[in-house]
Amino acid sequence: METGSIITARPAMAGTQDHVFIDESGNFTGYHPQSVSVVGALAILEGNLPRLRKKYARIRQSLLADGDEVKGRDLDAAQINRVVRLIKDRDAIFEVTAVDLELHTAADVAAYQQQLAADMQQLLPQIPDGIRERVAAASNYIGQIPAQLFLQALMTFDLMHRVIGHTALFFSQRKPYTLREFNWVIDGKNPDKVTKWENWLEFYARGALASLSARDPAPRPEPKEGALLDFTYFDKAHTGQIGDQHGIDPALLLKHVRFSSDINMGLEIVDILCNATRRMLRLELDRAGWINLHKLMIDRNATYIKFPIFQAGPDVVQIAVYGAIVNAAFRHGGRPMFTRRNQFLLD
């Protein structure tokens, strides 16, 4: 049904996949008040998809405003909340990253982009011969990417890293067999072909995940007596030889990635969630539209919405108009990361 596939997924055992749908909302430009854009990911277990499709189909007609595709921008608060409530009691996890360009300048973002390109050039001698030429081409492309696509790419890499880490820990305690495979579906920009940027994103994401994992390792508690955690399925499927080391291989984590412009339930739902998040941060959505959104997110020792700063120097801390909402509604009440049996691991 879906086109624009970079990698064709092989058949897998029923219920052993974690499907991750990724979409964005906003144009990643502006550098003025309300210049907020987001990238979001919705992870849904394969075994939950058939029943969810049936339930979503029952309400989908009421969500259509124009054409044959549901778009989050067309929905009111009550419609958004109806979709959130539809999936909140299922094994679906929403992760979202937002960039507030009011906290940036165009010059600083450009400098950040050029510095990243220069840093990658310096690393090329350390890259294995077999892929050095392709990595060099991908590194050269960094400096050519329009700023808005550069920002979207960095946010997507960060989001993928967080999705992998959080879902691995979450489902290792509940349904560890579902961690055998991540099936990534990213909203495509061109219905007729995979764009140059998308091809670059799919390839470069592997190195980006490796760097992010080294800098910010995925959470994995030390084994303790009485704990029930099972990473064997995850490790067996995603561990390989990387140079002269053995460990988690980003290429295996991203083995099944495709860009799709087709109508797709997962992409429609994540579009609704991303648009709702952005409208909330721009104070354009009534409370009824976002009041249950945090229930799709995993609880953590930070706000559930991440706000990275993409420029040189320390993080900029400013009082934002959406600060009160984020601090009050997106710091508690999310899905518990640990089961009751494993609560003691929080200590």
Protein backbone atom coordinates (compact mmCIF):
# COMPACT_ATOMS: atom_id res chain seq x y z
CA MET A 1 0.00 0.00 0.00
CA GLU A 2 2.71 2.47 0.99
CA THR A 3 5.31 3.84 -1.41
CA GLY A 4 8.68 5.52 -1.14
CA SER A 5 10.25 2.65 0.75
CA ILE A 6 13.99 2.89 1.39
CA ILE A 7 14.20 -0.50 3.02
CA THR A 8 11.67 -3.25 2.51
CA ALA A 9 10.80 -4.84 5.83
CA ARG A 10 11.15 -8.61 5.97
CA PRO A 11 8.28 -10.67 7.39
CA ALA A 12 8.39 -10.98 11.17
CA MET A 13 6.72 -13.14 13.78
CA ALA A 14 3.29 -11.79 14.65
CA GLY A 15 3.33 -9.27 17.46
CA THR A 16 7.12 -8.98 17.62
CA GLN A 17 7.47 -5.49 16.21
CA ASP A 18 7.34 -2.02 17.65
CA HIS A 19 5.93 0.28 14.95
CA VAL A 20 7.10 3.89 15.26
CA PHE A 21 5.35 6.63 13.28
CA ILE A 22 7.11 10.00 12.98
CA ASP A 23 5.74 13.34 11.80
CA GLU A 24 6.40 17.04 12.31
CA SER A 25 4.30 20.17 12.78
CA GLY A 26 5.56 23.66 11.93
CA ASN A 27 8.04 25.00 9.39
CA PHE A 28 11.16 25.34 11.61
CA THR A 29 11.63 28.99 10.61
CA GLY A 30 10.82 32.38 12.06
CA TYR A 31 13.05 33.32 15.04
CA HIS A 32 10.20 35.37 16.50
CA PRO A 33 7.53 34.79 19.18
CA GLN A 34 5.45 31.64 18.57
CA SER A 35 8.07 30.22 16.20
CA VAL A 36 7.53 26.76 17.64
CA SER A 37 7.87 23.54 15.63
CA VAL A 38 7.74 19.96 16.85
CA VAL A 39 8.70 16.45 15.78
CA GLY A 40 6.80 13.61 17.38
CA ALA A 41 6.88 9.82 17.40
CA LEU A 42 4.11 7.38 18.24
CA ALA A 43 5.22 3.84 19.11
CA ILE A 44 2.50 1.19 18.80
CA LEU A 45 2.96 -2.54 19.31
CA GLU A 46 2.10 -4.63 16.28
CA GLY A 47 -0.35 -6.76 18.22
CA ASN A 48 -2.45 -3.69 19.05
CA LEU A 49 -2.74 -2.41 15.49
CA PRO A 50 -5.68 -4.54 14.23
CA ARG A 51 -8.03 -3.60 17.08
CA LEU A 52 -6.88 0.02 17.01
CA ARG A 53 -7.57 0.22 13.27
CA LYS A 54 -11.14 -0.96 13.84
CA LYS A 55 -11.78 1.53 16.61
CA TYR A 56 -10.13 4.39 14.72
CA ALA A 57 -12.17 3.59 11.61
CA ARG A 58 -15.37 4.12 13.62
CA ILE A 59 -14.50 7.76 14.40
CA ARG A 60 -12.36 8.64 11.39
CA GLN A 61 -15.23 9.87 9.20
CA SER A 62 -16.15 12.43 11.85
CA LEU A 63 -12.56 13.74 11.79
CA LEU A 64 -12.35 14.37 8.05
CA ALA A 65 -12.68 18.03 7.13
CA ASP A 66 -11.39 18.28 3.57
CA GLY A 67 -10.19 15.53 1.25
CA ASP A 68 -9.59 11.94 2.27
CA GLU A 69 -6.85 12.45 4.90
CA VAL A 70 -7.32 13.44 8.52
CA LYS A 71 -5.16 16.46 9.45
CA GLY A 72 -4.59 17.60 13.00
CA ARG A 73 -4.85 21.29 12.07
CA ASP A 74 -8.52 20.76 11.17
CA LEU A 75 -9.57 19.24 14.50
CA ASP A 76 -11.03 21.03 17.48
CA ALA A 77 -10.16 20.29 21.11
CA ALA A 78 -12.93 17.73 21.58
CA GLN A 79 -11.93 15.78 18.46
CA ILE A 80 -8.26 15.73 19.51
CA ASN A 81 -9.15 14.50 22.98
CA ARG A 82 -11.29 11.77 21.45
CA VAL A 83 -8.28 10.45 19.53
CA VAL A 84 -6.02 10.68 22.61
CA ARG A 85 -8.53 8.76 24.70
CA LEU A 86 -8.78 6.14 21.97
CA ILE A 87 -5.12 5.19 22.33
CA LYS A 88 -4.21 6.11 25.91
CA ASP A 89 -5.24 2.74 27.37
CA ARG A 90 -3.22 0.80 24.82
CA ASP A 91 0.49 0.08 24.61
CA ALA A 92 1.12 3.28 22.65
CA ILE A 93 3.85 5.73 23.64
CA PHE A 94 4.15 9.31 22.41
CA GLU A 95 7.48 11.16 22.46
CA VAL A 96 7.87 14.73 21.25
CA THR A 97 10.64 17.29 20.82
CA ALA A 98 9.92 20.99 20.30
CA VAL A 99 12.18 23.76 19.10
CA ASP A 100 11.38 27.34 20.08
CA LEU A 101 13.18 29.54 17.56
CA GLU A 102 12.46 32.63 19.63
CA LEU A 103 15.32 31.32 21.78
CA HIS A 104 17.64 31.18 18.75
CA THR A 105 19.07 33.43 16.08
CA ALA A 106 19.50 32.52 12.42
CA ALA A 107 23.21 33.32 12.67
CA ASP A 108 23.76 31.03 15.64
CA VAL A 109 21.89 28.15 14.00
CA ALA A 110 23.98 28.60 10.83
CA ALA A 111 27.17 28.60 12.91
CA TYR A 112 26.03 25.45 14.72
CA GLN A 113 25.36 23.76 11.38
CA GLN A 114 28.74 24.67 9.90
CA GLN A 115 30.55 23.58 13.06
CA LEU A 116 28.86 20.18 12.92
CA ALA A 117 29.91 19.80 9.28
CA ALA A 118 33.51 20.71 10.18
CA ASP A 119 33.54 18.30 13.12
CA MET A 120 32.37 15.48 10.87
CA GLN A 121 35.14 16.21 8.37
CA GLN A 122 37.72 15.86 11.14
CA LEU A 123 36.32 12.45 12.08
CA LEU A 124 36.57 11.01 8.57
CA PRO A 125 40.06 9.44 9.04
CA GLN A 126 38.57 7.30 11.84
CA ILE A 127 35.74 5.95 9.65
CA PRO A 128 36.21 2.39 8.29
CA ASP A 129 37.33 2.29 4.66
CA GLY A 130 34.21 0.48 3.50
CA ILE A 131 31.87 3.35 4.31
CA ARG A 132 34.23 6.34 4.45
CA GLU A 133 33.27 7.63 1.00
CA ARG A 134 29.55 7.56 1.80
CA VAL A 135 30.10 9.16 5.21
CA ALA A 136 32.18 11.89 3.53
CA ALA A 137 29.33 12.62 1.11
CA ALA A 138 26.81 12.70 3.97
CA SER A 139 29.08 15.03 5.97
CA ASN A 140 29.50 17.38 3.00
CA TYR A 141 25.74 17.54 2.62
CA ILE A 142 25.30 18.87 6.18
CA GLY A 143 26.50 22.32 5.16
CA GLN A 144 24.16 22.41 2.16
CA ILE A 145 20.92 21.56 3.96
CA PRO A 146 18.44 24.43 4.39
CA ALA A 147 18.36 25.52 8.02
CA GLN A 148 14.80 24.33 8.57
CA LEU A 149 15.60 20.80 7.36
CA PHE A 150 18.82 20.78 9.39
CA LEU A 151 16.85 21.56 12.56
CA GLN A 152 14.19 18.98 11.74
CA ALA A 153 16.88 16.35 11.19
CA LEU A 154 18.61 17.00 14.52
CA MET A 155 15.27 16.84 16.32
CA THR A 156 14.41 13.58 14.54
CA PHE A 157 17.71 11.97 15.55
CA ASP A 158 17.22 13.01 19.17
CA LEU A 159 13.65 11.72 19.06
CA MET A 160 14.65 8.32 17.65
CA HIS A 161 17.31 7.94 20.33
CA ARG A 162 14.79 8.69 23.06
CA VAL A 163 12.13 6.39 21.59
CA ILE A 164 14.57 3.48 21.50
CA GLY A 165 15.79 4.03 25.05
CA HIS A 166 12.39 4.55 26.62
CA THR A 167 10.49 1.82 24.77
CA ALA A 168 13.27 -0.70 25.41
CA LEU A 169 13.15 -0.14 29.17
CA PHE A 170 9.34 0.11 29.24
CA PHE A 171 8.60 -3.07 27.27
CA SER A 172 11.51 -5.07 28.72
CA GLN A 173 9.30 -5.25 31.82
CA ARG A 174 6.01 -5.94 30.05
CA LYS A 175 6.33 -7.46 26.56
CA PRO A 176 10.05 -7.96 25.91
CA TYR A 177 9.49 -10.04 22.76
CA THR A 178 8.15 -6.93 21.00
CA LEU A 179 11.65 -5.45 21.06
CA ARG A 180 12.90 -7.79 18.34
CA GLU A 181 12.27 -5.18 15.67
CA PHE A 182 11.64 -1.45 15.22
CA ASN A 183 9.60 -0.62 12.14
CA TRP A 184 9.99 3.12 11.42
CA VAL A 185 7.46 4.96 9.23
CA ILE A 186 8.26 8.63 8.62
CA ASP A 187 5.92 11.06 6.92
CA GLY A 188 7.26 11.59 3.39
CA LYS A 189 7.70 15.01 1.82
CA ASN A 190 7.17 13.96 -1.78
CA PRO A 191 4.53 11.40 -2.83
CA ASP A 192 6.44 10.57 -6.01
CA LYS A 193 9.92 9.83 -4.68
CA VAL A 194 12.22 9.67 -1.70
CA THR A 195 13.98 13.03 -1.52
CA LYS A 196 17.72 13.59 -1.24
CA TRP A 197 17.24 14.89 2.31
CA GLU A 198 15.28 11.77 3.29
CA ASN A 199 17.96 9.47 1.90
CA TRP A 200 20.57 11.44 3.82
CA LEU A 201 18.46 11.37 6.99
CA GLU A 202 18.06 7.57 6.85
CA PHE A 203 21.81 7.01 6.42
CA TYR A 204 23.13 9.73 8.73
CA ALA A 205 20.75 8.70 11.53
CA ARG A 206 22.94 5.66 12.22
CA GLY A 207 25.97 7.75 13.09
CA ALA A 208 23.82 10.26 14.95
CA LEU A 209 22.36 7.50 17.13
CA ALA A 210 25.84 6.18 17.87
CA SER A 211 26.98 9.64 18.97
CA LEU A 212 23.86 10.24 21.06
CA SER A 213 24.20 6.84 22.71
CA ALA A 214 27.81 7.55 23.65
CA ARG A 215 26.90 10.95 25.08
CA ASP A 216 23.59 9.96 26.67
CA PRO A 217 23.32 6.16 27.08
CA ALA A 218 19.86 4.64 27.05
CA PRO A 219 18.58 3.97 30.58
CA ARG A 220 19.19 0.42 31.76
CA PRO A 221 19.17 -0.28 35.52
CA GLU A 222 21.81 -2.49 37.06
CA PRO A 223 20.44 -6.01 37.61
CA LYS A 224 19.05 -6.42 41.11
CA GLU A 225 17.56 -9.40 42.90
CA GLY A 226 13.79 -9.39 42.56
CA ALA A 227 13.70 -7.21 39.45
CA LEU A 228 11.93 -8.44 36.35
CA LEU A 229 13.66 -7.01 33.27
CA ASP A 230 14.27 -8.88 30.03
CA PHE A 231 16.54 -7.30 27.42
CA THR A 232 17.47 -10.59 25.76
CA TYR A 233 15.21 -10.09 22.72
CA PHE A 234 16.40 -6.51 22.25
CA ASP A 235 20.08 -7.38 22.60
CA LYS A 236 19.95 -10.45 20.39
CA ALA A 237 18.28 -8.56 17.54
CA HIS A 238 20.32 -5.36 17.68
CA THR A 239 23.82 -6.38 18.77
CA GLY A 240 26.59 -6.66 16.22
CA GLN A 241 30.25 -6.08 15.49
CA ILE A 242 31.03 -2.38 15.16
CA GLY A 243 34.63 -1.97 14.08
CA ASP A 244 36.65 -3.82 16.70
CA GLN A 245 33.90 -3.65 19.32
CA HIS A 246 30.76 -5.67 19.98
CA GLY A 247 27.65 -3.79 21.01
CA ILE A 248 24.27 -2.33 20.05
CA ASP A 249 24.41 -1.50 16.34
CA PRO A 250 22.39 1.55 15.18
CA ALA A 251 22.21 0.06 11.68
CA LEU A 252 20.26 -2.88 13.12
CA LEU A 253 17.97 -0.58 15.11
CA LEU A 254 17.24 1.30 11.88
CA LYS A 255 17.08 -1.77 9.68
CA HIS A 256 13.48 -1.07 8.68
CA VAL A 257 12.90 2.58 7.79
CA ARG A 258 10.57 3.94 5.17
CA PHE A 259 9.16 7.32 4.16
CA SER A 260 5.51 7.29 3.23
CA SER A 261 3.13 9.87 1.80
CA ASP A 262 0.23 7.42 1.70
CA ILE A 263 -2.78 7.62 3.98
CA ASN A 264 -1.78 5.69 7.10
CA MET A 265 -3.55 5.43 10.45
CA GLY A 266 -0.34 5.75 12.47
CA LEU A 267 0.81 8.82 10.55
CA GLU A 268 -2.62 10.42 10.86
CA ILE A 269 -2.67 9.91 14.62
CA VAL A 270 0.86 11.17 15.19
CA ASP A 271 0.05 14.19 13.00
CA ILE A 272 -2.90 14.92 15.30
CA LEU A 273 -0.70 14.61 18.41
CA CYS A 274 2.11 16.76 16.97
CA ASN A 275 -0.25 19.47 15.81
CA ALA A 276 -2.00 19.48 19.19
CA THR A 277 1.35 19.87 20.97
CA ARG A 278 2.38 22.78 18.76
CA ARG A 279 -0.98 24.53 19.08
CA MET A 280 -0.81 24.11 22.85
CA LEU A 281 2.68 25.65 22.98
CA ARG A 282 1.43 28.55 20.84
CA LEU A 283 -1.57 28.93 23.21
CA GLU A 284 -3.93 28.18 20.33
CA LEU A 285 -5.60 25.06 21.72
CA ASP A 286 -8.17 24.87 24.49
CA ARG A 287 -7.23 22.88 27.57
CA ALA A 288 -9.72 20.17 26.63
CA GLY A 289 -7.51 19.32 23.64
CA TRP A 290 -4.31 18.62 25.58
CA ILE A 291 -5.51 17.67 29.07
CA ASN A 292 -4.95 13.93 28.47
CA LEU A 293 -1.94 14.18 26.15
CA HIS A 294 0.57 13.52 28.94
CA LYS A 295 -1.05 10.13 29.59
CA LEU A 296 0.53 8.87 26.35
CA MET A 297 4.03 9.80 27.58
CA ILE A 298 6.37 7.94 29.89
CA ASP A 299 7.01 9.54 33.26
CA ARG A 300 10.55 10.84 33.81
CA ASN A 301 12.61 13.25 35.91
CA ALA A 302 12.11 16.09 33.43
CA THR A 303 9.37 17.67 31.40
CA TYR A 304 7.82 15.20 28.98
CA ILE A 305 8.34 17.64 26.09
CA LYS A 306 12.01 18.20 25.28
CA PHE A 307 13.22 21.67 24.24
CA PRO A 308 16.76 21.45 22.82
CA ILE A 309 18.85 24.50 21.97
CA PHE A 310 20.68 24.31 18.64
CA GLN A 311 23.38 26.93 18.89
CA ALA A 312 26.82 27.35 20.37
CA GLY A 313 27.29 28.07 24.05
CA PRO A 314 25.29 27.00 27.10
CA ASP A 315 21.57 26.29 27.02
CA VAL A 316 19.47 29.43 27.05
CA VAL A 317 16.91 29.55 29.84
CA GLN A 318 14.06 31.96 29.31
CA ILE A 319 10.53 32.33 30.62
CA ALA A 320 8.26 31.15 27.82
CA VAL A 321 4.54 31.79 27.54
CA TYR A 322 3.88 28.05 27.56
CA GLY A 323 6.10 27.40 30.58
CA ALA A 324 3.27 27.21 33.10
CA ILE A 325 1.35 24.66 31.02
CA VAL A 326 4.39 22.44 30.43
CA ASN A 327 5.48 22.50 34.07
CA ALA A 328 2.00 21.87 35.43
CA ALA A 329 0.73 19.30 32.96
CA PHE A 330 3.81 17.54 31.53
CA ARG A 331 5.92 16.66 34.56
CA HIS A 332 3.74 14.04 36.26
CA GLY A 333 0.85 11.71 35.58
CA GLY A 334 2.45 9.96 32.61
CA ARG A 335 2.78 6.24 32.06
CA PRO A 336 4.89 4.77 34.89
CA MET A 337 8.21 3.60 33.50
CA PHE A 338 8.53 0.80 36.05
CA THR A 339 6.02 -1.90 36.86
CA ARG A 340 4.92 -2.29 40.49
CA ARG A 341 7.32 -5.18 40.91
CA ASN A 342 10.23 -2.99 39.72
CA GLN A 343 9.35 0.20 41.56
CA PHE A 344 12.26 -0.36 43.96
CA LEU A 345 14.65 0.23 41.04
CA LEU A 346 13.79 3.93 41.25
CA ASP A 347 15.92 4.01 44.40
